[in-house]
Amino acid sequence: MKKFIVRFLSFSVLLFGLVGCHPAVVVVPSYIQSIGVQTAENRTSYYGLETSLTQNTIQQFQFDGRIPLADPDKADLVVKLVITQYLITPIFFDPKTNNVLQEQLTLTYDLSVFDNKENKIFIEDKGRQHSVYYYTPQYTGAINQTLDQATNQMMQETAQLIVQRVMEGF
């Protein structure tokens, strides 16, 4: 009898814990059968940002898996990205050597999503930003990164935010 009570209570706790769990709501209309990602446009002087953001965005749509990817020319929904600014801002300096110990990377981009089925704009966001803070290799006592590693992290996180914005509306 004691085992039954313990199992019942365990099951009840599990059941009540799962009551609030539900998948994210998809805001993409049901008639959309494919998504395409155009190569990002880079309006900065930093080479390679467009390739990294495009590849990471495609990869995040693949990870999401709710709507299949297609060539942008044939897709029902087309994602277009324009990188407008990439800033590297020193945050923290070594007082003795004046070396930069922490930096902030900020990516500013425009996101537009076009619905080819209805021939209308689905999403248009101007001036979206995402920032990453990282410790430079000169800093001891913390996990540090190179500029390339921090940029890759920022691109991956930005791509996740783009997919979340397109699929879930925020």
N, C-alpha and C. Protein backbone atom coordinates (compact mmCIF):
# COMPACT_ATOMS: atom_id res chain seq x y z
N MET A 1 0.82 -1.19 0.00
CA MET A 1 0.00 0.00 0.00
C MET A 1 0.86 1.26 0.00
N LYS A 2 1.99 1.19 0.74
CA LYS A 2 2.88 2.34 0.82
C LYS A 2 3.49 2.64 -0.56
N LYS A 3 3.85 1.60 -1.33
CA LYS A 3 4.39 1.79 -2.67
C LYS A 3 3.36 2.45 -3.58
N PHE A 4 2.11 2.04 -3.44
CA PHE A 4 1.05 2.61 -4.25
C PHE A 4 0.91 4.11 -3.98
N ILE A 5 0.95 4.51 -2.73
CA ILE A 5 0.82 5.92 -2.35
C ILE A 5 2.00 6.72 -2.89
N VAL A 6 3.20 6.18 -2.76
CA VAL A 6 4.40 6.86 -3.26
C VAL A 6 4.31 7.02 -4.77
N ARG A 7 3.91 5.98 -5.48
CA ARG A 7 3.77 6.05 -6.94
C ARG A 7 2.68 7.05 -7.33
N PHE A 8 1.57 7.00 -6.63
CA PHE A 8 0.47 7.91 -6.93
C PHE A 8 0.91 9.37 -6.74
N LEU A 9 1.60 9.64 -5.62
CA LEU A 9 2.08 11.00 -5.37
C LEU A 9 3.12 11.43 -6.40
N SER A 10 4.00 10.53 -6.76
CA SER A 10 5.01 10.84 -7.78
C SER A 10 4.34 11.15 -9.12
N PHE A 11 3.38 10.33 -9.49
CA PHE A 11 2.65 10.55 -10.73
C PHE A 11 1.89 11.87 -10.69
N SER A 12 1.29 12.20 -9.57
CA SER A 12 0.54 13.44 -9.42
C SER A 12 1.45 14.66 -9.57
N VAL A 13 2.61 14.60 -8.93
CA VAL A 13 3.57 15.69 -9.03
C VAL A 13 4.03 15.85 -10.48
N LEU A 14 4.32 14.76 -11.14
CA LEU A 14 4.73 14.80 -12.54
C LEU A 14 3.62 15.37 -13.42
N LEU A 15 2.42 14.92 -13.22
CA LEU A 15 1.28 15.39 -14.00
C LEU A 15 1.06 16.89 -13.82
N PHE A 16 1.08 17.37 -12.58
CA PHE A 16 0.88 18.79 -12.33
C PHE A 16 2.05 19.62 -12.87
N GLY A 17 3.23 19.05 -12.87
CA GLY A 17 4.39 19.74 -13.43
C GLY A 17 4.31 19.90 -14.93
N LEU A 18 3.68 18.94 -15.59
CA LEU A 18 3.58 18.99 -17.04
C LEU A 18 2.38 19.77 -17.55
N VAL A 19 1.48 20.15 -16.67
CA VAL A 19 0.27 20.86 -17.08
C VAL A 19 0.64 22.17 -17.79
N GLY A 20 1.64 22.87 -17.32
CA GLY A 20 2.02 24.15 -17.92
C GLY A 20 2.90 24.00 -19.16
N CYS A 21 3.34 22.80 -19.49
CA CYS A 21 4.22 22.59 -20.63
C CYS A 21 3.40 22.45 -21.91
N HIS A 22 3.77 23.20 -22.90
CA HIS A 22 3.14 23.08 -24.20
C HIS A 22 4.11 23.59 -25.26
N PRO A 23 4.00 23.10 -26.49
CA PRO A 23 4.91 23.58 -27.53
C PRO A 23 4.63 25.04 -27.86
N ALA A 24 5.64 25.71 -28.38
CA ALA A 24 5.48 27.11 -28.75
C ALA A 24 4.46 27.25 -29.88
N VAL A 25 3.70 28.31 -29.84
CA VAL A 25 2.70 28.57 -30.85
C VAL A 25 3.38 29.07 -32.12
N VAL A 26 3.03 28.49 -33.25
CA VAL A 26 3.59 28.90 -34.53
C VAL A 26 2.66 29.96 -35.11
N VAL A 27 3.23 31.11 -35.50
CA VAL A 27 2.42 32.17 -36.08
C VAL A 27 2.40 32.13 -37.60
N VAL A 28 3.21 31.24 -38.18
CA VAL A 28 3.24 31.11 -39.63
C VAL A 28 1.93 30.49 -40.09
N PRO A 29 1.26 31.08 -41.09
CA PRO A 29 -0.01 30.53 -41.57
C PRO A 29 0.13 29.08 -42.06
N SER A 30 -0.94 28.33 -41.94
CA SER A 30 -0.89 26.90 -42.28
C SER A 30 -0.66 26.63 -43.76
N TYR A 31 -0.93 27.59 -44.63
CA TYR A 31 -0.71 27.38 -46.06
C TYR A 31 0.76 27.49 -46.46
N ILE A 32 1.61 27.95 -45.55
CA ILE A 32 3.05 28.04 -45.82
C ILE A 32 3.65 26.64 -45.70
N GLN A 33 4.22 26.15 -46.79
CA GLN A 33 4.79 24.81 -46.83
C GLN A 33 6.31 24.79 -46.88
N SER A 34 6.95 25.96 -47.12
CA SER A 34 8.41 25.99 -47.20
C SER A 34 8.92 27.39 -46.88
N ILE A 35 10.16 27.43 -46.40
CA ILE A 35 10.83 28.68 -46.06
C ILE A 35 12.17 28.71 -46.79
N GLY A 36 12.48 29.86 -47.36
CA GLY A 36 13.77 30.06 -48.02
C GLY A 36 14.52 31.20 -47.35
N VAL A 37 15.84 31.10 -47.32
CA VAL A 37 16.67 32.14 -46.72
C VAL A 37 17.59 32.69 -47.81
N GLN A 38 17.41 33.96 -48.14
CA GLN A 38 18.30 34.60 -49.11
C GLN A 38 19.65 34.86 -48.45
N THR A 39 20.69 34.95 -49.25
CA THR A 39 22.01 35.31 -48.73
C THR A 39 21.91 36.71 -48.14
N ALA A 40 22.38 36.86 -46.93
CA ALA A 40 22.31 38.15 -46.24
C ALA A 40 23.14 39.18 -46.98
N GLU A 41 22.69 40.42 -46.89
CA GLU A 41 23.43 41.54 -47.47
C GLU A 41 24.25 42.18 -46.36
N ASN A 42 25.52 42.43 -46.62
CA ASN A 42 26.41 43.00 -45.62
C ASN A 42 26.76 44.43 -46.01
N ARG A 43 26.27 45.39 -45.26
CA ARG A 43 26.55 46.80 -45.54
C ARG A 43 27.64 47.35 -44.62
N THR A 44 28.43 46.46 -44.05
CA THR A 44 29.54 46.88 -43.20
C THR A 44 30.85 46.62 -43.93
N SER A 45 31.94 47.01 -43.32
CA SER A 45 33.26 46.77 -43.91
C SER A 45 33.88 45.47 -43.41
N TYR A 46 33.15 44.70 -42.61
CA TYR A 46 33.66 43.44 -42.06
C TYR A 46 33.30 42.29 -42.99
N TYR A 47 34.31 41.67 -43.54
CA TYR A 47 34.14 40.59 -44.52
C TYR A 47 33.64 39.31 -43.85
N GLY A 48 32.71 38.63 -44.49
CA GLY A 48 32.28 37.30 -44.07
C GLY A 48 31.08 37.24 -43.15
N LEU A 49 30.61 38.38 -42.67
CA LEU A 49 29.46 38.37 -41.77
C LEU A 49 28.21 37.83 -42.46
N GLU A 50 28.05 38.18 -43.74
CA GLU A 50 26.86 37.75 -44.48
C GLU A 50 26.81 36.24 -44.64
N THR A 51 27.95 35.62 -44.89
CA THR A 51 28.01 34.16 -45.05
C THR A 51 27.70 33.48 -43.73
N SER A 52 28.29 33.97 -42.66
CA SER A 52 28.08 33.37 -41.35
C SER A 52 26.62 33.48 -40.91
N LEU A 53 26.02 34.66 -41.07
CA LEU A 53 24.63 34.84 -40.65
C LEU A 53 23.69 33.99 -41.51
N THR A 54 23.93 33.93 -42.80
CA THR A 54 23.09 33.13 -43.69
C THR A 54 23.17 31.65 -43.32
N GLN A 55 24.39 31.13 -43.18
CA GLN A 55 24.57 29.71 -42.86
C GLN A 55 23.96 29.36 -41.50
N ASN A 56 24.17 30.21 -40.51
CA ASN A 56 23.62 29.95 -39.18
C ASN A 56 22.10 30.00 -39.19
N THR A 57 21.52 30.92 -39.95
CA THR A 57 20.06 31.02 -40.03
C THR A 57 19.47 29.78 -40.69
N ILE A 58 20.08 29.34 -41.78
CA ILE A 58 19.62 28.11 -42.45
C ILE A 58 19.73 26.93 -41.49
N GLN A 59 20.84 26.84 -40.79
CA GLN A 59 21.04 25.74 -39.84
C GLN A 59 20.00 25.77 -38.72
N GLN A 60 19.66 26.95 -38.22
CA GLN A 60 18.67 27.05 -37.14
C GLN A 60 17.27 26.69 -37.64
N PHE A 61 16.93 27.03 -38.89
CA PHE A 61 15.64 26.60 -39.45
C PHE A 61 15.62 25.08 -39.59
N GLN A 62 16.77 24.49 -39.94
CA GLN A 62 16.84 23.02 -40.03
C GLN A 62 16.67 22.40 -38.65
N PHE A 63 17.33 22.96 -37.63
CA PHE A 63 17.17 22.46 -36.27
C PHE A 63 15.73 22.58 -35.81
N ASP A 64 15.08 23.69 -36.13
CA ASP A 64 13.70 23.91 -35.73
C ASP A 64 12.80 22.85 -36.38
N GLY A 65 12.94 22.65 -37.66
CA GLY A 65 12.28 21.56 -38.36
C GLY A 65 10.77 21.63 -38.52
N ARG A 66 10.13 22.70 -38.10
CA ARG A 66 8.67 22.76 -38.21
C ARG A 66 8.20 22.99 -39.64
N ILE A 67 8.98 23.72 -40.42
CA ILE A 67 8.66 23.96 -41.82
C ILE A 67 9.92 23.70 -42.63
N PRO A 68 9.82 22.90 -43.69
CA PRO A 68 11.01 22.56 -44.47
C PRO A 68 11.60 23.77 -45.21
N LEU A 69 12.89 23.68 -45.45
CA LEU A 69 13.61 24.71 -46.21
C LEU A 69 13.50 24.44 -47.70
N ALA A 70 13.53 25.50 -48.47
CA ALA A 70 13.51 25.39 -49.92
C ALA A 70 14.37 26.51 -50.49
N ASP A 71 14.63 26.44 -51.77
CA ASP A 71 15.35 27.50 -52.47
C ASP A 71 14.53 28.79 -52.34
N PRO A 72 15.16 29.93 -52.05
CA PRO A 72 14.39 31.17 -51.86
C PRO A 72 13.49 31.53 -53.06
N ASP A 73 13.90 31.16 -54.27
CA ASP A 73 13.09 31.47 -55.45
C ASP A 73 11.81 30.66 -55.52
N LYS A 74 11.77 29.52 -54.84
CA LYS A 74 10.62 28.62 -54.90
C LYS A 74 9.86 28.52 -53.57
N ALA A 75 10.35 29.15 -52.53
CA ALA A 75 9.76 29.02 -51.19
C ALA A 75 8.50 29.87 -51.04
N ASP A 76 7.63 29.41 -50.16
CA ASP A 76 6.40 30.15 -49.85
C ASP A 76 6.69 31.39 -48.99
N LEU A 77 7.68 31.28 -48.12
CA LEU A 77 8.07 32.36 -47.23
C LEU A 77 9.56 32.59 -47.41
N VAL A 78 9.96 33.83 -47.66
CA VAL A 78 11.37 34.14 -47.93
C VAL A 78 11.90 35.11 -46.87
N VAL A 79 13.01 34.72 -46.25
CA VAL A 79 13.66 35.52 -45.22
C VAL A 79 14.81 36.29 -45.87
N LYS A 80 14.79 37.61 -45.65
CA LYS A 80 15.86 38.47 -46.17
C LYS A 80 16.49 39.22 -45.00
N LEU A 81 17.80 39.19 -44.93
CA LEU A 81 18.55 39.84 -43.85
C LEU A 81 19.52 40.85 -44.43
N VAL A 82 19.60 42.01 -43.79
CA VAL A 82 20.56 43.04 -44.18
C VAL A 82 21.32 43.44 -42.93
N ILE A 83 22.63 43.19 -42.94
CA ILE A 83 23.48 43.59 -41.81
C ILE A 83 23.85 45.05 -42.01
N THR A 84 23.44 45.89 -41.07
CA THR A 84 23.67 47.33 -41.22
C THR A 84 24.82 47.86 -40.36
N GLN A 85 25.14 47.13 -39.28
CA GLN A 85 26.21 47.62 -38.42
C GLN A 85 26.80 46.47 -37.60
N TYR A 86 28.11 46.53 -37.41
CA TYR A 86 28.82 45.57 -36.57
C TYR A 86 29.79 46.37 -35.73
N LEU A 87 29.55 46.42 -34.43
CA LEU A 87 30.37 47.22 -33.54
C LEU A 87 31.16 46.35 -32.58
N ILE A 88 32.41 46.73 -32.37
CA ILE A 88 33.26 46.11 -31.36
C ILE A 88 33.57 47.21 -30.35
N THR A 89 33.03 47.08 -29.15
CA THR A 89 33.17 48.12 -28.14
C THR A 89 33.96 47.60 -26.95
N PRO A 90 35.11 48.21 -26.65
CA PRO A 90 35.85 47.81 -25.45
C PRO A 90 35.06 48.18 -24.20
N ILE A 91 35.03 47.25 -23.24
CA ILE A 91 34.25 47.46 -22.02
C ILE A 91 35.15 47.59 -20.79
N PHE A 92 36.18 46.76 -20.73
CA PHE A 92 37.00 46.67 -19.52
C PHE A 92 38.47 46.61 -19.93
N PHE A 93 39.30 47.43 -19.28
CA PHE A 93 40.72 47.50 -19.60
C PHE A 93 41.57 47.06 -18.41
N ASP A 94 42.77 46.56 -18.70
CA ASP A 94 43.75 46.26 -17.66
C ASP A 94 44.34 47.59 -17.21
N PRO A 95 44.26 47.93 -15.92
CA PRO A 95 44.75 49.23 -15.47
C PRO A 95 46.26 49.41 -15.62
N LYS A 96 47.00 48.30 -15.65
CA LYS A 96 48.46 48.40 -15.75
C LYS A 96 48.92 48.50 -17.20
N THR A 97 48.38 47.65 -18.06
CA THR A 97 48.86 47.59 -19.45
C THR A 97 47.94 48.29 -20.44
N ASN A 98 46.75 48.62 -20.02
CA ASN A 98 45.73 49.23 -20.86
C ASN A 98 45.23 48.28 -21.97
N ASN A 99 45.50 46.97 -21.80
CA ASN A 99 44.96 45.98 -22.74
C ASN A 99 43.46 45.85 -22.53
N VAL A 100 42.75 45.60 -23.61
CA VAL A 100 41.31 45.37 -23.51
C VAL A 100 41.09 43.97 -22.96
N LEU A 101 40.32 43.86 -21.89
CA LEU A 101 40.06 42.58 -21.25
C LEU A 101 38.65 42.05 -21.55
N GLN A 102 37.72 42.95 -21.84
CA GLN A 102 36.37 42.55 -22.19
C GLN A 102 35.85 43.46 -23.29
N GLU A 103 35.14 42.85 -24.24
CA GLU A 103 34.56 43.60 -25.33
C GLU A 103 33.09 43.22 -25.52
N GLN A 104 32.37 44.13 -26.13
CA GLN A 104 30.98 43.88 -26.51
C GLN A 104 30.90 43.91 -28.03
N LEU A 105 30.32 42.86 -28.61
CA LEU A 105 30.05 42.84 -30.04
C LEU A 105 28.57 43.09 -30.22
N THR A 106 28.23 43.98 -31.13
CA THR A 106 26.82 44.28 -31.40
C THR A 106 26.57 44.19 -32.90
N LEU A 107 25.57 43.40 -33.27
CA LEU A 107 25.16 43.25 -34.65
C LEU A 107 23.80 43.92 -34.80
N THR A 108 23.71 44.84 -35.75
CA THR A 108 22.43 45.49 -36.07
C THR A 108 22.04 45.01 -37.47
N TYR A 109 20.77 44.59 -37.59
CA TYR A 109 20.33 44.04 -38.87
C TYR A 109 18.85 44.35 -39.10
N ASP A 110 18.47 44.31 -40.37
CA ASP A 110 17.07 44.43 -40.76
C ASP A 110 16.59 43.06 -41.17
N LEU A 111 15.39 42.71 -40.75
CA LEU A 111 14.78 41.42 -41.07
C LEU A 111 13.49 41.68 -41.82
N SER A 112 13.37 41.07 -42.99
CA SER A 112 12.09 41.13 -43.69
C SER A 112 11.75 39.72 -44.17
N VAL A 113 10.49 39.38 -44.02
CA VAL A 113 10.00 38.06 -44.42
C VAL A 113 8.83 38.30 -45.36
N PHE A 114 8.93 37.75 -46.56
CA PHE A 114 7.91 37.97 -47.58
C PHE A 114 7.12 36.69 -47.83
N ASP A 115 5.81 36.82 -47.84
CA ASP A 115 4.89 35.72 -48.09
C ASP A 115 4.60 35.68 -49.60
N ASN A 116 5.19 34.73 -50.31
CA ASN A 116 5.01 34.63 -51.76
C ASN A 116 3.63 34.11 -52.14
N LYS A 117 2.98 33.38 -51.27
CA LYS A 117 1.64 32.85 -51.57
C LYS A 117 0.61 33.98 -51.61
N GLU A 118 0.68 34.87 -50.63
CA GLU A 118 -0.27 35.99 -50.53
C GLU A 118 0.30 37.27 -51.14
N ASN A 119 1.57 37.22 -51.56
CA ASN A 119 2.25 38.35 -52.18
C ASN A 119 2.22 39.59 -51.26
N LYS A 120 2.64 39.38 -50.00
CA LYS A 120 2.65 40.47 -49.03
C LYS A 120 3.79 40.27 -48.04
N ILE A 121 4.11 41.34 -47.33
CA ILE A 121 5.15 41.29 -46.30
C ILE A 121 4.56 40.63 -45.06
N PHE A 122 5.25 39.61 -44.56
CA PHE A 122 4.83 38.89 -43.37
C PHE A 122 5.43 39.54 -42.11
N ILE A 123 6.71 39.88 -42.17
CA ILE A 123 7.41 40.54 -41.06
C ILE A 123 8.36 41.56 -41.66
N GLU A 124 8.43 42.73 -41.03
CA GLU A 124 9.44 43.71 -41.42
C GLU A 124 9.93 44.41 -40.16
N ASP A 125 11.16 44.11 -39.78
CA ASP A 125 11.78 44.70 -38.59
C ASP A 125 13.05 45.43 -39.02
N LYS A 126 13.14 46.67 -38.66
CA LYS A 126 14.33 47.47 -38.96
C LYS A 126 15.12 47.69 -37.68
N GLY A 127 16.42 47.63 -37.78
CA GLY A 127 17.29 47.98 -36.66
C GLY A 127 17.29 47.01 -35.50
N ARG A 128 17.03 45.73 -35.76
CA ARG A 128 17.12 44.73 -34.68
C ARG A 128 18.58 44.60 -34.26
N GLN A 129 18.82 44.35 -32.98
CA GLN A 129 20.19 44.23 -32.47
C GLN A 129 20.34 43.01 -31.59
N HIS A 130 21.56 42.49 -31.62
CA HIS A 130 21.93 41.45 -30.67
C HIS A 130 23.38 41.69 -30.27
N SER A 131 23.66 41.57 -28.98
CA SER A 131 25.01 41.81 -28.46
C SER A 131 25.52 40.59 -27.71
N VAL A 132 26.84 40.46 -27.73
CA VAL A 132 27.54 39.42 -26.99
C VAL A 132 28.71 40.08 -26.28
N TYR A 133 28.90 39.73 -25.03
CA TYR A 133 30.05 40.19 -24.26
C TYR A 133 31.02 39.02 -24.15
N TYR A 134 32.32 39.32 -24.28
CA TYR A 134 33.29 38.25 -24.12
C TYR A 134 34.59 38.79 -23.54
N TYR A 135 35.30 37.89 -22.86
CA TYR A 135 36.61 38.22 -22.31
C TYR A 135 37.68 37.88 -23.33
N THR A 136 38.61 38.79 -23.52
CA THR A 136 39.69 38.59 -24.48
C THR A 136 40.72 37.62 -23.91
N PRO A 137 41.59 37.07 -24.75
CA PRO A 137 42.63 36.16 -24.27
C PRO A 137 43.61 36.80 -23.27
N GLN A 138 43.67 38.13 -23.19
CA GLN A 138 44.56 38.79 -22.24
C GLN A 138 44.03 38.72 -20.81
N TYR A 139 42.75 38.36 -20.65
CA TYR A 139 42.15 38.31 -19.32
C TYR A 139 42.36 36.93 -18.73
N THR A 140 42.89 36.89 -17.51
CA THR A 140 43.06 35.62 -16.82
C THR A 140 42.04 35.55 -15.69
N GLY A 141 41.54 34.37 -15.43
CA GLY A 141 40.57 34.21 -14.36
C GLY A 141 39.15 34.04 -14.86
N ALA A 142 38.97 34.05 -16.16
CA ALA A 142 37.62 33.85 -16.73
C ALA A 142 37.77 33.07 -18.04
N ILE A 143 36.70 32.50 -18.48
CA ILE A 143 36.73 31.81 -19.77
C ILE A 143 36.80 32.88 -20.85
N ASN A 144 37.84 32.84 -21.66
CA ASN A 144 38.00 33.87 -22.67
C ASN A 144 37.81 33.30 -24.06
N GLN A 145 37.63 34.20 -25.01
CA GLN A 145 37.39 33.84 -26.40
C GLN A 145 38.21 34.75 -27.30
N THR A 146 38.41 34.28 -28.52
CA THR A 146 38.97 35.16 -29.53
C THR A 146 37.82 35.95 -30.15
N LEU A 147 38.15 36.95 -30.93
CA LEU A 147 37.13 37.73 -31.61
C LEU A 147 36.32 36.85 -32.56
N ASP A 148 36.99 35.94 -33.26
CA ASP A 148 36.29 35.04 -34.18
C ASP A 148 35.31 34.12 -33.44
N GLN A 149 35.73 33.60 -32.31
CA GLN A 149 34.84 32.73 -31.53
C GLN A 149 33.62 33.50 -31.03
N ALA A 150 33.84 34.71 -30.54
CA ALA A 150 32.73 35.54 -30.06
C ALA A 150 31.79 35.93 -31.20
N THR A 151 32.36 36.22 -32.37
CA THR A 151 31.54 36.55 -33.54
C THR A 151 30.70 35.35 -33.94
N ASN A 152 31.29 34.16 -33.95
CA ASN A 152 30.53 32.95 -34.28
C ASN A 152 29.40 32.72 -33.28
N GLN A 153 29.68 32.93 -32.01
CA GLN A 153 28.64 32.79 -30.98
C GLN A 153 27.51 33.78 -31.24
N MET A 154 27.87 35.03 -31.55
CA MET A 154 26.86 36.05 -31.80
C MET A 154 26.01 35.70 -33.01
N MET A 155 26.63 35.19 -34.07
CA MET A 155 25.89 34.83 -35.28
C MET A 155 24.93 33.66 -35.00
N GLN A 156 25.38 32.70 -34.22
CA GLN A 156 24.51 31.57 -33.89
C GLN A 156 23.32 32.03 -33.05
N GLU A 157 23.57 32.85 -32.04
CA GLU A 157 22.48 33.36 -31.20
C GLU A 157 21.52 34.24 -32.00
N THR A 158 22.07 35.07 -32.90
CA THR A 158 21.23 35.93 -33.73
C THR A 158 20.34 35.08 -34.63
N ALA A 159 20.90 34.03 -35.20
CA ALA A 159 20.11 33.14 -36.06
C ALA A 159 18.99 32.47 -35.26
N GLN A 160 19.26 32.08 -34.03
CA GLN A 160 18.21 31.51 -33.18
C GLN A 160 17.10 32.52 -32.94
N LEU A 161 17.46 33.77 -32.72
CA LEU A 161 16.46 34.82 -32.50
C LEU A 161 15.65 35.07 -33.77
N ILE A 162 16.29 35.00 -34.92
CA ILE A 162 15.59 35.19 -36.19
C ILE A 162 14.55 34.09 -36.40
N VAL A 163 14.94 32.85 -36.18
CA VAL A 163 14.01 31.74 -36.34
C VAL A 163 12.86 31.86 -35.34
N GLN A 164 13.16 32.23 -34.12
CA GLN A 164 12.12 32.42 -33.12
C GLN A 164 11.17 33.54 -33.53
N ARG A 165 11.69 34.61 -34.07
CA ARG A 165 10.84 35.75 -34.52
C ARG A 165 9.94 35.32 -35.67
N VAL A 166 10.48 34.59 -36.62
CA VAL A 166 9.70 34.17 -37.78
C VAL A 166 8.65 33.14 -37.39
N MET A 167 9.06 32.15 -36.63
CA MET A 167 8.16 31.03 -36.32
C MET A 167 7.16 31.34 -35.21
N GLU A 168 7.58 32.12 -34.22
CA GLU A 168 6.75 32.32 -33.03
C GLU A 168 6.30 33.75 -32.82
N GLY A 169 6.82 34.66 -33.63
CA GLY A 169 6.36 36.05 -33.58
C GLY A 169 7.06 36.95 -32.60
N PHE A 170 8.10 36.48 -31.90
CA PHE A 170 8.81 37.37 -30.99
C PHE A 170 10.28 37.14 -31.03
